[in-house]
Amino acid sequence: MCLYEPAKKILVSGDHILFDITPNITFWPNLKNSLKAYLSSLEKVFSLQVDLVLPGHRNICNNLNKELLN
């Protein structure tokens, strides 16, 4: 789950977006394709106007689109 504050362009990404470690994309019996669902959710986040990302672990990010494209 992510929390987005559009007025301040802040995204609390939890474990959904991590910059120097990999989120755990695991198998869920009720979800056909966990990786596809994860990548689809990243596309949704990518469309947001974000100036500050607060991940669940390690470093914050000031340029989400640049980080996701790398």
C-alpha atoms as a PDB file:
ATOM      1  CA  MET A   1       0.000   0.000   0.000  1.00  0.00           C
ATOM      2  CA  CYS A   2       1.193   3.488  -0.816  1.00  0.00           C
ATOM      3  CA  LEU A   3      -0.068   6.788   0.542  1.00  0.00           C
ATOM      4  CA  TYR A   4       0.010   9.825  -1.744  1.00  0.00           C
ATOM      5  CA  GLU A   5      -0.408  13.476  -0.756  1.00  0.00           C
ATOM      6  CA  PRO A   6      -1.016  15.288  -4.068  1.00  0.00           C
ATOM      7  CA  ALA A   7      -0.919  18.808  -2.598  1.00  0.00           C
ATOM      8  CA  LYS A   8       2.654  18.263  -1.371  1.00  0.00           C
ATOM      9  CA  LYS A   9       3.589  15.622  -3.994  1.00  0.00           C
ATOM     10  CA  ILE A  10       4.735  13.178  -1.315  1.00  0.00           C
ATOM     11  CA  LEU A  11       4.483   9.414  -1.724  1.00  0.00           C
ATOM     12  CA  VAL A  12       4.869   7.107   1.254  1.00  0.00           C
ATOM     13  CA  SER A  13       5.760   3.968  -0.678  1.00  0.00           C
ATOM     14  CA  GLY A  14       6.350   1.496   2.121  1.00  0.00           C
ATOM     15  CA  ASP A  15       7.894  -1.640   0.621  1.00  0.00           C
ATOM     16  CA  HIS A  16       6.293  -1.071  -2.790  1.00  0.00           C
ATOM     17  CA  ILE A  17       9.197   1.050  -4.033  1.00  0.00           C
ATOM     18  CA  LEU A  18      12.678   0.463  -2.656  1.00  0.00           C
ATOM     19  CA  PHE A  19      15.675   2.016  -4.366  1.00  0.00           C
ATOM     20  CA  ASP A  20      18.748  -0.012  -3.466  1.00  0.00           C
ATOM     21  CA  ILE A  21      17.133  -3.292  -2.448  1.00  0.00           C
ATOM     22  CA  THR A  22      14.439  -5.375  -4.137  1.00  0.00           C
ATOM     23  CA  PRO A  23      10.843  -5.633  -2.941  1.00  0.00           C
ATOM     24  CA  ASN A  24       9.673  -9.192  -2.317  1.00  0.00           C
ATOM     25  CA  ILE A  25       7.465 -10.185  -5.247  1.00  0.00           C
ATOM     26  CA  THR A  26       6.071 -13.500  -4.110  1.00  0.00           C
ATOM     27  CA  PHE A  27       3.508 -16.044  -5.234  1.00  0.00           C
ATOM     28  CA  TRP A  28      -0.024 -15.573  -3.928  1.00  0.00           C
ATOM     29  CA  PRO A  29      -2.505 -18.385  -4.700  1.00  0.00           C
ATOM     30  CA  ASN A  30      -5.369 -15.956  -5.349  1.00  0.00           C
ATOM     31  CA  LEU A  31      -3.299 -13.799  -7.755  1.00  0.00           C
ATOM     32  CA  LYS A  32      -2.501 -15.329 -11.135  1.00  0.00           C
ATOM     33  CA  ASN A  33       0.646 -13.367 -11.902  1.00  0.00           C
ATOM     34  CA  SER A  34       2.223 -11.528  -8.961  1.00  0.00           C
ATOM     35  CA  LEU A  35       4.988  -9.968 -11.049  1.00  0.00           C
ATOM     36  CA  LYS A  36       2.547  -8.641 -13.643  1.00  0.00           C
ATOM     37  CA  ALA A  37       0.391  -7.130 -10.885  1.00  0.00           C
ATOM     38  CA  TYR A  38       3.444  -5.511  -9.288  1.00  0.00           C
ATOM     39  CA  LEU A  39       4.638  -4.016 -12.581  1.00  0.00           C
ATOM     40  CA  SER A  40       1.129  -2.734 -13.293  1.00  0.00           C
ATOM     41  CA  SER A  41       1.023  -1.034  -9.904  1.00  0.00           C
ATOM     42  CA  LEU A  42       4.405   0.584 -10.612  1.00  0.00           C
ATOM     43  CA  GLU A  43       2.931   2.076 -13.790  1.00  0.00           C
ATOM     44  CA  LYS A  44       0.152   3.643 -11.706  1.00  0.00           C
ATOM     45  CA  VAL A  45       2.666   5.168  -9.301  1.00  0.00           C
ATOM     46  CA  PHE A  46       4.833   6.356 -12.194  1.00  0.00           C
ATOM     47  CA  SER A  47       1.937   8.476 -13.467  1.00  0.00           C
ATOM     48  CA  LEU A  48       1.743  10.454 -10.189  1.00  0.00           C
ATOM     49  CA  GLN A  49       3.497  13.789  -9.748  1.00  0.00           C
ATOM     50  CA  VAL A  50       5.914  12.980  -6.938  1.00  0.00           C
ATOM     51  CA  ASP A  51       8.666  15.195  -5.533  1.00  0.00           C
ATOM     52  CA  LEU A  52       9.484  13.122  -2.446  1.00  0.00           C
ATOM     53  CA  VAL A  53       9.307   9.359  -1.925  1.00  0.00           C
ATOM     54  CA  LEU A  54       9.475   7.935   1.574  1.00  0.00           C
ATOM     55  CA  PRO A  55      10.166   4.200   1.244  1.00  0.00           C
ATOM     56  CA  GLY A  56       9.806   1.674   4.028  1.00  0.00           C
ATOM     57  CA  HIS A  57      13.569   1.084   4.187  1.00  0.00           C
ATOM     58  CA  ARG A  58      16.780   2.981   3.645  1.00  0.00           C
ATOM     59  CA  ASN A  59      17.033   6.218   1.624  1.00  0.00           C
ATOM     60  CA  ILE A  60      14.386   8.715   0.546  1.00  0.00           C
ATOM     61  CA  CYS A  61      14.164   9.797  -3.084  1.00  0.00           C
ATOM     62  CA  ASN A  62      13.628  13.214  -4.621  1.00  0.00           C
ATOM     63  CA  ASN A  63      13.136  12.087  -8.238  1.00  0.00           C
ATOM     64  CA  LEU A  64      10.799   9.108  -8.558  1.00  0.00           C
ATOM     65  CA  ASN A  65      10.557   9.053 -12.346  1.00  0.00           C
ATOM     66  CA  LYS A  66      14.341   9.126 -12.779  1.00  0.00           C
ATOM     67  CA  GLU A  67      14.804   6.330 -10.242  1.00  0.00           C
ATOM     68  CA  LEU A  68      12.104   4.124 -11.769  1.00  0.00           C
ATOM     69  CA  LEU A  69      13.577   4.538 -15.248  1.00  0.00           C
ATOM     70  CA  ASN A  70      17.051   3.432 -14.106  1.00  0.00           C
END
